[in-house]
Amino acid sequence: MTTTARDTYLGGMTSTASPARLLIMLYDRLVLDLQRAIELGDAGEFLGAGRQLMHAQEIVLELQGSLRIDAWDGAAGLSGIYSWLHSEMVRANVQRDVAATRACLALVEPLADAWREAALAALV
């Protein structure tokens, strides 16, 4: 297995990132995956859209798996959102439903913004 310079860079970046930065990176990639899935779905390229949706599903499962339910009052609600997102992305992929992917993106973007603001506020 060969390692590219990009893989080495990304591996180093994730291994040295703070938990807040890792969370932002996951959300940024989740948004990108959903945007790409929408673009590909609109173009009728459902195989490519499906790949993007499957990667987005992996990210949501990682977010849900790392969520500490006992850490704060809103965690259980966020876990429910992650469950809904995952099932909706699976459905969007199986049914080739670009509108469902758009609905997921519409939910994820404000969450990404909120986590980014929280991370920035923690730095101040």
C-alpha atoms as a PDB file:
ATOM      1  CA  MET A   1       0.000   0.000   0.000  1.00  0.00           C
ATOM      2  CA  THR A   2       1.491   3.351  -0.996  1.00  0.00           C
ATOM      3  CA  THR A   3       1.045   6.505   0.986  1.00  0.00           C
ATOM      4  CA  THR A   4       0.670   9.712  -0.904  1.00  0.00           C
ATOM      5  CA  ALA A   5       1.883  13.066   0.355  1.00  0.00           C
ATOM      6  CA  ARG A   6      -1.765  14.067   0.779  1.00  0.00           C
ATOM      7  CA  ASP A   7      -2.479  11.029   2.963  1.00  0.00           C
ATOM      8  CA  THR A   8       0.572  11.774   5.090  1.00  0.00           C
ATOM      9  CA  TYR A   9      -0.460  15.404   5.467  1.00  0.00           C
ATOM     10  CA  LEU A  10      -4.042  14.544   6.383  1.00  0.00           C
ATOM     11  CA  GLY A  11      -2.935  11.872   8.812  1.00  0.00           C
ATOM     12  CA  GLY A  12      -0.644  14.330  10.551  1.00  0.00           C
ATOM     13  CA  MET A  13      -3.322  16.988  10.604  1.00  0.00           C
ATOM     14  CA  THR A  14      -5.908  14.737  12.222  1.00  0.00           C
ATOM     15  CA  SER A  15      -3.489  13.237  14.744  1.00  0.00           C
ATOM     16  CA  THR A  16      -2.497  16.681  16.037  1.00  0.00           C
ATOM     17  CA  ALA A  17      -5.885  18.392  15.881  1.00  0.00           C
ATOM     18  CA  SER A  18      -7.781  19.267  19.030  1.00  0.00           C
ATOM     19  CA  PRO A  19     -11.121  17.509  19.656  1.00  0.00           C
ATOM     20  CA  ALA A  20     -12.950  20.710  18.666  1.00  0.00           C
ATOM     21  CA  ARG A  21     -10.965  20.953  15.423  1.00  0.00           C
ATOM     22  CA  LEU A  22     -11.636  17.284  14.636  1.00  0.00           C
ATOM     23  CA  LEU A  23     -15.352  17.877  15.119  1.00  0.00           C
ATOM     24  CA  ILE A  24     -15.237  20.849  12.741  1.00  0.00           C
ATOM     25  CA  MET A  25     -13.277  18.796  10.198  1.00  0.00           C
ATOM     26  CA  LEU A  26     -15.893  16.033  10.346  1.00  0.00           C
ATOM     27  CA  TYR A  27     -18.732  18.472   9.884  1.00  0.00           C
ATOM     28  CA  ASP A  28     -16.938  20.239   7.028  1.00  0.00           C
ATOM     29  CA  ARG A  29     -16.470  16.927   5.242  1.00  0.00           C
ATOM     30  CA  LEU A  30     -20.073  15.919   5.950  1.00  0.00           C
ATOM     31  CA  VAL A  31     -21.303  19.140   4.325  1.00  0.00           C
ATOM     32  CA  LEU A  32     -18.967  18.582   1.359  1.00  0.00           C
ATOM     33  CA  ASP A  33     -20.136  14.975   0.913  1.00  0.00           C
ATOM     34  CA  LEU A  34     -23.783  16.042   0.913  1.00  0.00           C
ATOM     35  CA  GLN A  35     -23.123  18.901  -1.518  1.00  0.00           C
ATOM     36  CA  ARG A  36     -21.312  16.527  -3.863  1.00  0.00           C
ATOM     37  CA  ALA A  37     -24.098  13.940  -3.572  1.00  0.00           C
ATOM     38  CA  ILE A  38     -26.627  16.587  -4.541  1.00  0.00           C
ATOM     39  CA  GLU A  39     -24.568  17.742  -7.532  1.00  0.00           C
ATOM     40  CA  LEU A  40     -24.039  14.171  -8.717  1.00  0.00           C
ATOM     41  CA  GLY A  41     -27.673  13.225  -8.127  1.00  0.00           C
ATOM     42  CA  ASP A  42     -28.873  16.262 -10.056  1.00  0.00           C
ATOM     43  CA  ALA A  43     -26.631  15.138 -12.926  1.00  0.00           C
ATOM     44  CA  GLY A  44     -28.095  11.629 -12.800  1.00  0.00           C
ATOM     45  CA  GLU A  45     -24.800  10.142 -11.588  1.00  0.00           C
ATOM     46  CA  PHE A  46     -26.336   8.071  -8.826  1.00  0.00           C
ATOM     47  CA  LEU A  47     -23.384   5.721  -8.355  1.00  0.00           C
ATOM     48  CA  GLY A  48     -21.136   8.668  -7.480  1.00  0.00           C
ATOM     49  CA  ALA A  49     -23.860  10.251  -5.384  1.00  0.00           C
ATOM     50  CA  GLY A  50     -24.210   6.966  -3.532  1.00  0.00           C
ATOM     51  CA  ARG A  51     -20.501   6.901  -2.713  1.00  0.00           C
ATOM     52  CA  GLN A  52     -20.743  10.397  -1.277  1.00  0.00           C
ATOM     53  CA  LEU A  53     -23.817   9.473   0.749  1.00  0.00           C
ATOM     54  CA  MET A  54     -22.134   6.353   2.125  1.00  0.00           C
ATOM     55  CA  HIS A  55     -19.139   8.400   3.239  1.00  0.00           C
ATOM     56  CA  ALA A  56     -21.493  10.922   4.819  1.00  0.00           C
ATOM     57  CA  GLN A  57     -23.212   8.057   6.643  1.00  0.00           C
ATOM     58  CA  GLU A  58     -19.850   6.914   8.026  1.00  0.00           C
ATOM     59  CA  ILE A  59     -19.202  10.418   9.337  1.00  0.00           C
ATOM     60  CA  VAL A  60     -22.603  10.587  11.031  1.00  0.00           C
ATOM     61  CA  LEU A  61     -21.985   7.211  12.656  1.00  0.00           C
ATOM     62  CA  GLU A  62     -18.607   8.475  13.891  1.00  0.00           C
ATOM     63  CA  LEU A  63     -20.213  11.631  15.264  1.00  0.00           C
ATOM     64  CA  GLN A  64     -22.894   9.602  16.993  1.00  0.00           C
ATOM     65  CA  GLY A  65     -20.432   7.061  18.328  1.00  0.00           C
ATOM     66  CA  SER A  66     -18.220   9.732  19.850  1.00  0.00           C
ATOM     67  CA  LEU A  67     -21.128  11.627  21.405  1.00  0.00           C
ATOM     68  CA  ARG A  68     -21.115  11.466  25.183  1.00  0.00           C
ATOM     69  CA  ILE A  69     -24.795  11.353  26.108  1.00  0.00           C
ATOM     70  CA  ASP A  70     -24.060  12.142  29.764  1.00  0.00           C
ATOM     71  CA  ALA A  71     -21.891  15.191  28.980  1.00  0.00           C
ATOM     72  CA  TRP A  72     -24.692  17.732  28.422  1.00  0.00           C
ATOM     73  CA  ASP A  73     -28.462  18.025  28.352  1.00  0.00           C
ATOM     74  CA  GLY A  74     -28.792  18.319  24.574  1.00  0.00           C
ATOM     75  CA  ALA A  75     -26.745  15.219  23.761  1.00  0.00           C
ATOM     76  CA  ALA A  76     -29.709  12.830  23.619  1.00  0.00           C
ATOM     77  CA  GLY A  77     -31.495  15.135  21.189  1.00  0.00           C
ATOM     78  CA  LEU A  78     -28.379  15.406  19.040  1.00  0.00           C
ATOM     79  CA  SER A  79     -28.090  11.621  19.034  1.00  0.00           C
ATOM     80  CA  GLY A  80     -31.655  11.459  17.742  1.00  0.00           C
ATOM     81  CA  ILE A  81     -30.777  13.914  14.986  1.00  0.00           C
ATOM     82  CA  TYR A  82     -27.789  11.771  14.016  1.00  0.00           C
ATOM     83  CA  SER A  83     -30.034   8.677  13.886  1.00  0.00           C
ATOM     84  CA  TRP A  84     -32.516  10.478  11.662  1.00  0.00           C
ATOM     85  CA  LEU A  85     -29.739  11.794   9.400  1.00  0.00           C
ATOM     86  CA  HIS A  86     -28.251   8.348   8.974  1.00  0.00           C
ATOM     87  CA  SER A  87     -31.546   6.677   8.119  1.00  0.00           C
ATOM     88  CA  GLU A  88     -32.533   9.526   5.806  1.00  0.00           C
ATOM     89  CA  MET A  89     -29.222   9.332   3.935  1.00  0.00           C
ATOM     90  CA  VAL A  90     -29.646   5.570   3.533  1.00  0.00           C
ATOM     91  CA  ARG A  91     -33.155   6.139   2.186  1.00  0.00           C
ATOM     92  CA  ALA A  92     -31.944   8.938  -0.106  1.00  0.00           C
ATOM     93  CA  ASN A  93     -29.294   6.641  -1.513  1.00  0.00           C
ATOM     94  CA  VAL A  94     -31.554   3.622  -2.020  1.00  0.00           C
ATOM     95  CA  GLN A  95     -34.378   5.664  -3.543  1.00  0.00           C
ATOM     96  CA  ARG A  96     -32.077   8.085  -5.428  1.00  0.00           C
ATOM     97  CA  ASP A  97     -33.915  10.908  -3.680  1.00  0.00           C
ATOM     98  CA  VAL A  98     -31.960  14.123  -4.166  1.00  0.00           C
ATOM     99  CA  ALA A  99     -34.617  16.111  -2.286  1.00  0.00           C
ATOM    100  CA  ALA A 100     -33.969  13.979   0.807  1.00  0.00           C
ATOM    101  CA  THR A 101     -30.239  14.660   0.462  1.00  0.00           C
ATOM    102  CA  ARG A 102     -31.021  18.375   0.292  1.00  0.00           C
ATOM    103  CA  ALA A 103     -33.071  18.068   3.477  1.00  0.00           C
ATOM    104  CA  CYS A 104     -30.101  16.430   5.207  1.00  0.00           C
ATOM    105  CA  LEU A 105     -27.802  19.213   4.059  1.00  0.00           C
ATOM    106  CA  ALA A 106     -30.292  21.828   5.261  1.00  0.00           C
ATOM    107  CA  LEU A 107     -30.090  20.274   8.728  1.00  0.00           C
ATOM    108  CA  VAL A 108     -26.325  19.701   8.766  1.00  0.00           C
ATOM    109  CA  GLU A 109     -25.221  23.173   7.660  1.00  0.00           C
ATOM    110  CA  PRO A 110     -26.608  25.023  10.710  1.00  0.00           C
ATOM    111  CA  LEU A 111     -25.217  22.315  12.992  1.00  0.00           C
ATOM    112  CA  ALA A 112     -21.782  22.751  11.417  1.00  0.00           C
ATOM    113  CA  ASP A 113     -22.038  26.516  11.880  1.00  0.00           C
ATOM    114  CA  ALA A 114     -23.086  26.126  15.512  1.00  0.00           C
ATOM    115  CA  TRP A 115     -20.187  23.796  16.330  1.00  0.00           C
ATOM    116  CA  ARG A 116     -17.763  26.121  14.543  1.00  0.00           C
ATOM    117  CA  GLU A 117     -19.027  29.094  16.576  1.00  0.00           C
ATOM    118  CA  ALA A 118     -18.795  27.076  19.800  1.00  0.00           C
ATOM    119  CA  ALA A 119     -15.227  26.062  19.019  1.00  0.00           C
ATOM    120  CA  LEU A 120     -14.262  29.663  18.264  1.00  0.00           C
ATOM    121  CA  ALA A 121     -15.952  30.888  21.435  1.00  0.00           C
ATOM    122  CA  ALA A 122     -13.946  28.364  23.459  1.00  0.00           C
ATOM    123  CA  LEU A 123     -10.749  29.892  22.099  1.00  0.00           C
ATOM    124  CA  VAL A 124     -11.645  33.366  23.354  1.00  0.00           C
END
